């Protein structure tokens, strides 16, 4: 008996089993989720009008301030008029000569017609006089056309704004010869209100947007748009799609899209890069989970579920689009189930876990059990 008691007293106390791992969980709930997509593109003016010299001449005056608003018909440049005024004077003189000659030919006909009727002169003389009248009339028309051409060229010496808008910098200087050989670009005017947004949308994105719009009952062409400026700020005025190209570009697989935004303050300028958020509406009864709760393996997605008896199990799910930092769950979960969102690496299939609501501060570890003495 003494030996048995000695052997029993030498046994070590049994090690207590480790407590179940603590994991943070959330309860699956449904909610209305806003659907949107973002497009990246570039701003441009609805009308970029190039101001060009239409006649050859030297720049005499520049009558605008660069980078300011100009009105349609406002005088911008003036070319040296003297050569064109001389051409106009010469054309008017040629017209006067042609008109005088025509009058003379008319008087000849009036004088020869009675004589020809009396057979006092050959009929050929009257015919020649009538032909001279026709030639004279043609000469008058030609001279008159030259006068109109000279007037037109003289008018082109005053280069006016074809449209209202913001004018850019001058491309020529005073005293420079312009219009020699081809119309010289002198400046460019851009209309800025409204402003246009251009982008190329892939055919896949376009089809997905159409599918999302069906879920919310909105047509893509009618959804409101929000412009995000290059500095990250949002443009205050909403926009709308005004053009979706009829066909996909076979070289790039994209569709050309244009949107329009009010720009009364002229803050947005052509050439700026920007993003547009497309509000596709709200999808009801949607389930969303944070990205950290989803495990991706071999192209499939899984989540860890905590059963009512506190055991973890892995379940495959079908994910949808990303909404912020969350993903929509299209299939695999039902409202009321418990999903592990933190501590996924601690979970094992069928193993019990201690579930605490996500966001709860972790509890301090339990004190180790002390052996008791008699």
Protein backbone atom coordinates (compact mmCIF):
# COMPACT_ATOMS: atom_id res chain seq x y z
CA UNK A 1 0.00 0.00 0.00
CA UNK A 2 2.90 2.34 0.74
CA UNK A 3 4.38 1.66 -2.71
CA UNK A 4 1.04 2.30 -4.43
CA UNK A 5 0.63 5.59 -2.60
CA UNK A 6 4.14 6.66 -3.60
CA UNK A 7 3.48 5.90 -7.27
CA UNK A 8 0.19 7.77 -7.17
CA UNK A 9 1.77 10.80 -5.57
CA UNK A 10 4.41 11.06 -8.34
CA UNK A 11 1.85 11.47 -11.22
CA UNK A 12 1.78 14.94 -12.88
CA UNK A 13 -1.54 16.81 -12.98
CA UNK A 14 -3.31 16.52 -16.37
CA UNK A 15 -2.89 19.54 -18.75
CA UNK A 16 -6.16 21.42 -19.30
CA UNK A 17 -7.44 21.52 -22.94
CA UNK A 18 -6.91 24.91 -24.66
CA UNK A 19 -10.01 27.05 -24.81
CA UNK A 20 -11.76 27.46 -28.21
CA UNK A 21 -10.23 30.22 -30.35
CA UNK A 22 -11.90 33.59 -30.24
CA UNK A 23 -13.21 34.90 -33.57
CA UNK A 24 -15.09 38.06 -34.52
CA UNK A 25 -18.38 37.44 -36.28
CA UNK A 26 -21.25 39.32 -37.86
CA UNK A 27 -24.85 38.34 -38.49
CA UNK A 28 -25.90 38.14 -42.13
CA UNK A 29 -28.49 40.80 -42.90
CA UNK A 30 -30.10 42.13 -46.06
CA UNK A 31 -30.19 45.77 -47.03
CA UNK A 32 -30.66 48.02 -50.02
CA UNK A 33 -27.29 48.46 -51.70
CA UNK A 34 -26.57 51.30 -54.13
CA UNK A 35 -25.11 50.05 -57.41
CA UNK A 36 -22.59 52.20 -59.23
CA UNK A 37 -19.62 52.04 -61.52
CA UNK A 38 -16.80 54.46 -62.28
CA UNK A 39 -15.61 55.58 -65.70
CA UNK A 40 -12.26 57.22 -66.43
CA UNK A 41 -11.99 59.67 -69.29
CA UNK A 42 -11.17 63.18 -70.45
CA UNK A 43 -13.02 66.48 -70.67
CA UNK A 44 -13.51 68.37 -73.90
CA UNK A 45 -15.48 71.33 -75.20
CA UNK A 46 -18.66 70.86 -77.24
CA UNK A 47 -17.10 73.26 -79.73
CA UNK A 48 -13.41 73.98 -80.26
CA UNK A 49 -13.35 76.53 -83.07
CA UNK A 50 -10.05 77.43 -84.69
CA UNK A 51 -9.62 81.06 -85.73
CA UNK A 52 -7.64 81.14 -88.98
CA UNK A 53 -6.50 83.76 -91.47
CA UNK A 54 -8.43 83.39 -94.75
CA UNK A 55 -6.35 85.83 -96.78
CA UNK A 56 -2.64 86.54 -97.01
CA UNK A 57 -1.55 89.60 -95.12
CA UNK A 58 0.42 91.08 -92.25
CA UNK A 59 -1.09 91.18 -88.75
CA UNK A 60 -1.78 94.83 -87.94
CA UNK A 61 -3.66 94.64 -84.62
CA UNK A 62 -4.64 92.14 -81.92
CA UNK A 63 -7.80 93.32 -80.18
CA UNK A 64 -8.49 90.73 -77.45
CA UNK A 65 -7.03 89.55 -74.16
CA UNK A 66 -5.83 85.97 -74.14
CA UNK A 67 -7.70 83.56 -71.87
CA UNK A 68 -10.87 85.68 -71.62
CA UNK A 69 -14.44 85.32 -72.79
CA UNK A 70 -15.24 86.67 -76.26
CA UNK A 71 -18.60 87.12 -77.95
CA UNK A 72 -19.56 85.94 -81.42
CA UNK A 73 -18.77 88.69 -83.94
CA UNK A 74 -16.20 90.39 -81.71
CA UNK A 75 -13.15 91.70 -83.61
CA UNK A 76 -10.05 89.70 -82.69
CA UNK A 77 -7.34 90.48 -85.27
CA UNK A 78 -6.95 93.04 -88.01
CA UNK A 79 -4.71 92.58 -91.04
CA UNK A 80 -3.14 95.31 -93.13
CA UNK A 81 -5.97 96.51 -95.42
CA UNK A 82 -4.06 98.67 -97.88
CA UNK A 83 -3.32 96.02 -100.53
CA UNK A 84 -6.94 94.86 -100.47
CA UNK A 85 -8.30 98.38 -100.69
CA UNK A 86 -6.19 98.91 -103.81
CA UNK A 87 -7.53 95.70 -105.35
CA UNK A 88 -11.06 96.81 -104.57
CA UNK A 89 -10.49 100.20 -106.20
CA UNK A 90 -9.05 98.50 -109.31
CA UNK A 91 -12.01 96.11 -109.45
CA UNK A 92 -14.48 98.99 -109.18
CA UNK A 93 -12.67 100.81 -111.99
CA UNK A 94 -12.86 97.72 -114.20
CA UNK A 95 -16.57 97.44 -113.46
CA UNK A 96 -17.13 101.06 -114.45
CA UNK A 97 -15.28 100.46 -117.73
CA UNK A 98 -17.37 97.37 -118.45
CA UNK A 99 -20.61 99.23 -117.73
CA UNK A 100 -19.55 102.11 -119.99
CA UNK A 101 -18.68 99.72 -122.78
CA UNK A 102 -22.06 98.01 -122.40
CA UNK A 103 -23.84 101.35 -122.73
CA UNK A 104 -21.88 102.11 -125.87
CA UNK A 105 -22.79 98.70 -127.35
CA UNK A 106 -26.45 99.36 -126.53
CA UNK A 107 -26.39 102.72 -128.32
CA UNK A 108 -24.80 101.07 -131.35
CA UNK A 109 -27.66 98.59 -131.53
CA UNK A 110 -30.25 101.38 -131.20
CA UNK A 111 -28.59 103.28 -134.08
CA UNK A 112 -28.11 100.30 -136.40
CA UNK A 113 -31.47 98.58 -135.95
CA UNK A 114 -33.55 101.15 -137.97
CA UNK A 115 -30.91 101.17 -140.70
CA UNK A 116 -30.95 97.42 -140.94
CA UNK A 117 -34.73 97.42 -141.15
CA UNK A 118 -34.50 99.76 -144.16
CA UNK A 119 -31.77 97.59 -145.71
CA UNK A 120 -29.48 100.60 -145.54
CA UNK A 121 -26.71 98.52 -143.92
CA UNK A 122 -25.84 94.85 -144.06
CA UNK A 123 -27.61 92.65 -141.49
CA UNK A 124 -24.19 91.47 -140.39
CA UNK A 125 -23.43 94.89 -138.88
CA UNK A 126 -26.50 94.67 -136.65
CA UNK A 127 -25.66 91.11 -135.67
CA UNK A 128 -22.15 92.18 -134.67
CA UNK A 129 -23.58 95.00 -132.55
CA UNK A 130 -25.99 92.61 -130.80
CA UNK A 131 -23.14 90.19 -130.09
CA UNK A 132 -21.10 93.06 -128.67
CA UNK A 133 -23.95 93.80 -126.25
CA UNK A 134 -23.90 90.19 -125.03
CA UNK A 135 -20.14 90.31 -124.61
CA UNK A 136 -20.48 93.60 -122.76
CA UNK A 137 -23.05 92.15 -120.37
CA UNK A 138 -20.73 89.23 -119.63
CA UNK A 139 -17.89 91.66 -119.03
CA UNK A 140 -20.02 93.60 -116.56
CA UNK A 141 -20.88 90.40 -114.66
CA UNK A 142 -17.21 89.42 -114.53
CA UNK A 143 -16.18 92.85 -113.28
CA UNK A 144 -18.95 92.86 -110.70
CA UNK A 145 -17.82 89.43 -109.42
CA UNK A 146 -14.28 90.76 -109.05
CA UNK A 147 -15.59 93.68 -107.02
CA UNK A 148 -17.47 91.27 -104.74
CA UNK A 149 -14.35 89.11 -104.38
CA UNK A 150 -12.27 92.16 -103.49
CA UNK A 151 -14.89 93.23 -100.94
CA UNK A 152 -14.86 89.74 -99.46
CA UNK A 153 -11.07 89.68 -99.16
CA UNK A 154 -11.13 93.12 -97.61
CA UNK A 155 -13.69 91.88 -95.07
CA UNK A 156 -11.42 88.95 -94.21
CA UNK A 157 -8.84 91.48 -93.01
CA UNK A 158 -11.06 91.84 -89.94
CA UNK A 159 -10.93 88.47 -88.22
CA UNK A 160 -13.91 88.12 -85.88
CA UNK A 161 -14.95 85.52 -83.33
CA UNK A 162 -17.16 82.93 -85.08
CA UNK A 163 -18.67 81.78 -81.75
CA UNK A 164 -18.85 82.87 -78.13
CA UNK A 165 -16.50 81.19 -75.70
CA UNK A 166 -13.13 81.25 -73.97
CA UNK A 167 -10.30 82.19 -76.29
CA UNK A 168 -6.84 80.69 -75.85
CA UNK A 169 -3.43 82.16 -76.46
CA UNK A 170 -2.45 83.87 -79.70
CA UNK A 171 -0.52 81.78 -82.20
CA UNK A 172 0.79 84.75 -84.22
CA UNK A 173 2.38 88.09 -83.44
CA UNK A 174 1.80 91.62 -84.72
CA UNK A 175 3.68 92.18 -87.98
CA UNK A 176 3.73 88.46 -88.87
CA UNK A 177 2.70 87.34 -92.36
CA UNK A 178 -0.27 84.95 -92.20
CA UNK A 179 -2.38 83.08 -94.73
CA UNK A 180 0.48 82.41 -97.12
CA UNK A 181 -0.20 79.09 -98.82
CA UNK A 182 -2.72 77.89 -96.23
CA UNK A 183 -5.05 79.35 -93.57
CA UNK A 184 -2.82 80.16 -90.59
CA UNK A 185 -4.07 79.18 -87.12
CA UNK A 186 -4.26 82.37 -85.06
CA UNK A 187 -6.10 81.20 -81.92
CA UNK A 188 -8.77 78.77 -80.69
CA UNK A 189 -12.11 79.45 -79.00
CA UNK A 190 -13.78 76.84 -76.79
CA UNK A 191 -17.32 76.78 -75.46
CA UNK A 192 -17.16 75.65 -71.81
CA UNK A 193 -20.76 75.57 -70.62
CA UNK A 194 -21.74 72.79 -70.81
CA UNK A 195 -18.58 70.64 -70.80
CA UNK A 196 -18.35 67.17 -72.33
CA UNK A 197 -16.81 64.04 -70.82
CA UNK A 198 -15.50 61.36 -73.19
CA UNK A 199 -14.47 57.82 -72.34
CA UNK A 200 -14.17 54.37 -73.89
CA UNK A 201 -16.18 51.64 -72.15
CA UNK A 202 -15.32 48.00 -72.71
CA UNK A 203 -18.06 45.84 -74.12
CA UNK A 204 -18.02 43.76 -70.91
CA UNK A 205 -18.52 46.86 -68.72
CA UNK A 206 -21.32 48.04 -70.97
CA UNK A 207 -23.18 44.73 -70.74
CA UNK A 208 -22.71 44.58 -66.96
CA UNK A 209 -24.06 48.10 -66.61
CA UNK A 210 -27.11 47.12 -68.63
CA UNK A 211 -27.68 44.11 -66.37
CA UNK A 212 -27.36 46.24 -63.22
CA UNK A 213 -29.78 48.80 -64.61
CA UNK A 214 -32.37 46.03 -65.15
CA UNK A 215 -32.12 45.12 -61.46
CA UNK A 216 -32.92 48.69 -60.44
CA UNK A 217 -35.38 49.51 -63.21
CA UNK A 218 -33.31 52.37 -64.64
CA UNK A 219 -32.08 52.77 -68.18
CA UNK A 220 -28.35 53.45 -68.48
CA UNK A 221 -29.07 56.52 -70.60
CA UNK A 222 -31.18 58.07 -67.82
CA UNK A 223 -29.03 57.43 -64.73
CA UNK A 224 -27.54 60.46 -62.92
CA UNK A 225 -23.80 60.99 -63.20
CA UNK A 226 -21.35 62.53 -60.75
CA UNK A 227 -18.12 64.04 -62.05
CA UNK A 228 -15.05 63.58 -59.85
CA UNK A 229 -12.44 66.23 -60.58
CA UNK A 230 -8.70 65.51 -60.83
CA UNK A 231 -8.23 66.84 -57.26
CA UNK A 232 -10.74 64.30 -55.92
CA UNK A 233 -13.55 66.79 -55.35
CA UNK A 234 -17.02 66.27 -56.78
CA UNK A 235 -18.48 68.61 -59.35
CA UNK A 236 -21.67 70.07 -57.82
CA UNK A 237 -23.88 69.72 -60.89
CA UNK A 238 -25.02 66.23 -61.98
CA UNK A 239 -24.64 65.16 -65.59
CA UNK A 240 -26.19 62.76 -68.05
CA UNK A 241 -25.24 60.56 -70.97
CA UNK A 242 -25.93 62.23 -74.30
CA UNK A 243 -24.24 59.82 -76.69
CA UNK A 244 -23.41 56.12 -76.79
CA UNK A 245 -21.80 55.02 -80.02
CA UNK A 246 -23.71 52.70 -82.31
CA UNK A 247 -20.95 50.07 -82.57
CA UNK A 248 -17.97 48.63 -80.70
CA UNK A 249 -14.53 49.48 -82.04
CA UNK A 250 -13.24 46.12 -83.25
CA UNK A 251 -9.62 47.18 -82.69
CA UNK A 252 -10.03 47.98 -78.99
CA UNK A 253 -13.27 46.23 -78.02
CA UNK A 254 -14.61 49.47 -76.53
CA UNK A 255 -17.64 51.68 -76.99
CA UNK A 256 -17.33 55.46 -77.26
CA UNK A 257 -19.45 57.28 -74.66
CA UNK A 258 -20.09 60.99 -74.09
CA UNK A 259 -21.64 62.70 -71.07
CA UNK A 260 -22.57 66.33 -70.50
CA UNK A 261 -22.16 68.42 -67.34
CA UNK A 262 -23.17 72.04 -66.61
CA UNK A 263 -20.12 74.24 -66.14
CA UNK A 264 -21.36 77.79 -65.45
CA UNK A 265 -18.26 78.79 -63.49
CA UNK A 266 -15.95 77.58 -66.30
CA UNK A 267 -13.96 75.65 -63.70
CA UNK A 268 -13.68 72.52 -65.84
CA UNK A 269 -11.45 72.90 -68.89
CA UNK A 270 -10.85 70.81 -72.03
CA UNK A 271 -8.07 68.28 -71.65
CA UNK A 272 -8.63 67.56 -67.95
CA UNK A 273 -8.71 63.93 -66.90
CA UNK A 274 -11.66 63.05 -64.69
CA UNK A 275 -13.76 60.18 -63.35
CA UNK A 276 -17.51 59.80 -63.56
CA UNK A 277 -19.50 57.80 -61.04
CA UNK A 278 -22.54 56.23 -62.62
CA UNK A 279 -25.41 55.80 -60.15
CA UNK A 280 -27.24 52.71 -61.37
CA UNK A 281 -29.85 52.78 -58.60
CA UNK A 282 -30.42 50.62 -55.52
CA UNK A 283 -30.61 46.84 -55.32
CA UNK A 284 -32.96 45.66 -52.60
CA UNK A 285 -32.49 42.71 -50.22
CA UNK A 286 -28.76 42.42 -50.89
CA UNK A 287 -26.19 40.68 -48.69
CA UNK A 288 -22.76 42.27 -48.40
CA UNK A 289 -19.68 41.09 -46.53
CA UNK A 290 -16.34 42.76 -45.89
CA UNK A 291 -13.54 41.60 -48.15
CA UNK A 292 -11.58 40.17 -45.19
CA UNK A 293 -14.40 37.66 -44.51
CA UNK A 294 -14.06 36.02 -47.94
CA UNK A 295 -11.44 33.39 -48.74
CA UNK A 296 -10.49 32.86 -52.38
CA UNK A 297 -9.12 29.47 -53.40
CA UNK A 298 -8.58 28.18 -56.94
CA UNK A 299 -10.98 30.70 -58.44
CA UNK A 300 -13.74 30.01 -55.90
CA UNK A 301 -14.90 32.01 -52.88
CA UNK A 302 -15.62 30.66 -49.39
CA UNK A 303 -16.72 31.99 -46.00
CA UNK A 304 -16.59 30.49 -42.50
CA UNK A 305 -19.91 29.95 -40.77
CA UNK A 306 -20.50 29.49 -37.03
CA UNK A 307 -23.28 27.00 -36.37
CA UNK A 308 -25.79 27.40 -33.51
CA UNK A 309 -23.74 24.93 -31.43
CA UNK A 310 -20.62 27.11 -31.85
CA UNK A 311 -18.72 25.08 -34.45
CA UNK A 312 -17.01 26.50 -37.52
CA UNK A 313 -17.60 25.23 -41.04
CA UNK A 314 -16.55 26.44 -44.45
CA UNK A 315 -19.14 27.24 -47.13
CA UNK A 316 -18.79 28.20 -50.82
CA UNK A 317 -20.47 31.43 -51.90
CA UNK A 318 -21.00 33.34 -55.13
CA UNK A 319 -19.70 36.89 -54.99
CA UNK A 320 -20.87 39.85 -57.03
CA UNK A 321 -19.47 43.31 -57.54
CA UNK A 322 -17.45 45.22 -54.99
CA UNK A 323 -19.22 48.03 -53.15
CA UNK A 324 -16.65 50.09 -51.32
CA UNK A 325 -14.69 47.61 -49.19
CA UNK A 326 -17.47 45.03 -49.25
CA UNK A 327 -18.56 42.42 -51.76
CA UNK A 328 -22.11 41.48 -52.65
CA UNK A 329 -22.97 37.84 -51.94
CA UNK A 330 -25.25 36.55 -54.66
CA UNK A 331 -25.65 32.98 -53.42
CA UNK A 332 -24.63 30.76 -50.50
CA UNK A 333 -25.88 32.74 -47.48
CA UNK A 334 -29.23 33.48 -45.91
CA UNK A 335 -30.15 36.20 -43.41
CA UNK A 336 -29.51 35.33 -39.78
CA UNK A 337 -26.43 33.15 -40.29
CA UNK A 338 -23.22 33.95 -38.41
CA UNK A 339 -20.11 34.64 -40.50
CA UNK A 340 -16.54 34.92 -39.22
CA UNK A 341 -14.99 38.22 -40.28
CA UNK A 342 -11.82 38.21 -38.15
CA UNK A 343 -9.71 35.28 -37.02
CA UNK A 344 -10.42 33.15 -40.07
CA UNK A 345 -6.96 31.59 -39.80
CA UNK A 346 -7.92 30.12 -36.42
CA UNK A 347 -10.99 28.29 -37.73
CA UNK A 348 -10.93 24.57 -38.54
CA UNK A 349 -13.74 22.49 -39.98
CA UNK A 350 -16.05 21.30 -37.18
CA UNK A 351 -13.93 22.89 -34.44
CA UNK A 352 -15.71 24.87 -31.70
CA UNK A 353 -14.99 28.60 -31.56
CA UNK A 354 -15.81 31.43 -29.22
CA UNK A 355 -17.73 34.03 -31.25
CA UNK A 356 -17.77 37.68 -30.30
CA UNK A 357 -19.41 40.48 -32.30
CA UNK A 358 -17.05 42.23 -34.70
CA UNK A 359 -15.67 45.40 -33.19
CA UNK A 360 -15.75 44.08 -29.60
CA UNK A 361 -12.40 44.60 -27.80
CA UNK A 362 -10.66 41.26 -27.22
CA UNK A 363 -10.95 39.89 -23.64
CA UNK A 364 -7.82 39.50 -21.55
CA UNK A 365 -6.50 35.93 -21.53
CA UNK A 366 -7.75 33.80 -18.65
CA UNK A 367 -5.39 33.26 -15.78
CA UNK A 368 -3.77 29.90 -15.71
CA UNK A 369 -5.31 27.48 -13.23
CA UNK A 370 -3.24 27.11 -10.02
CA UNK A 371 -2.82 23.65 -8.36
CA UNK A 372 -4.54 23.33 -5.03
CA UNK A 373 -2.85 21.85 -1.91
CA UNK A 374 -4.46 19.96 0.87
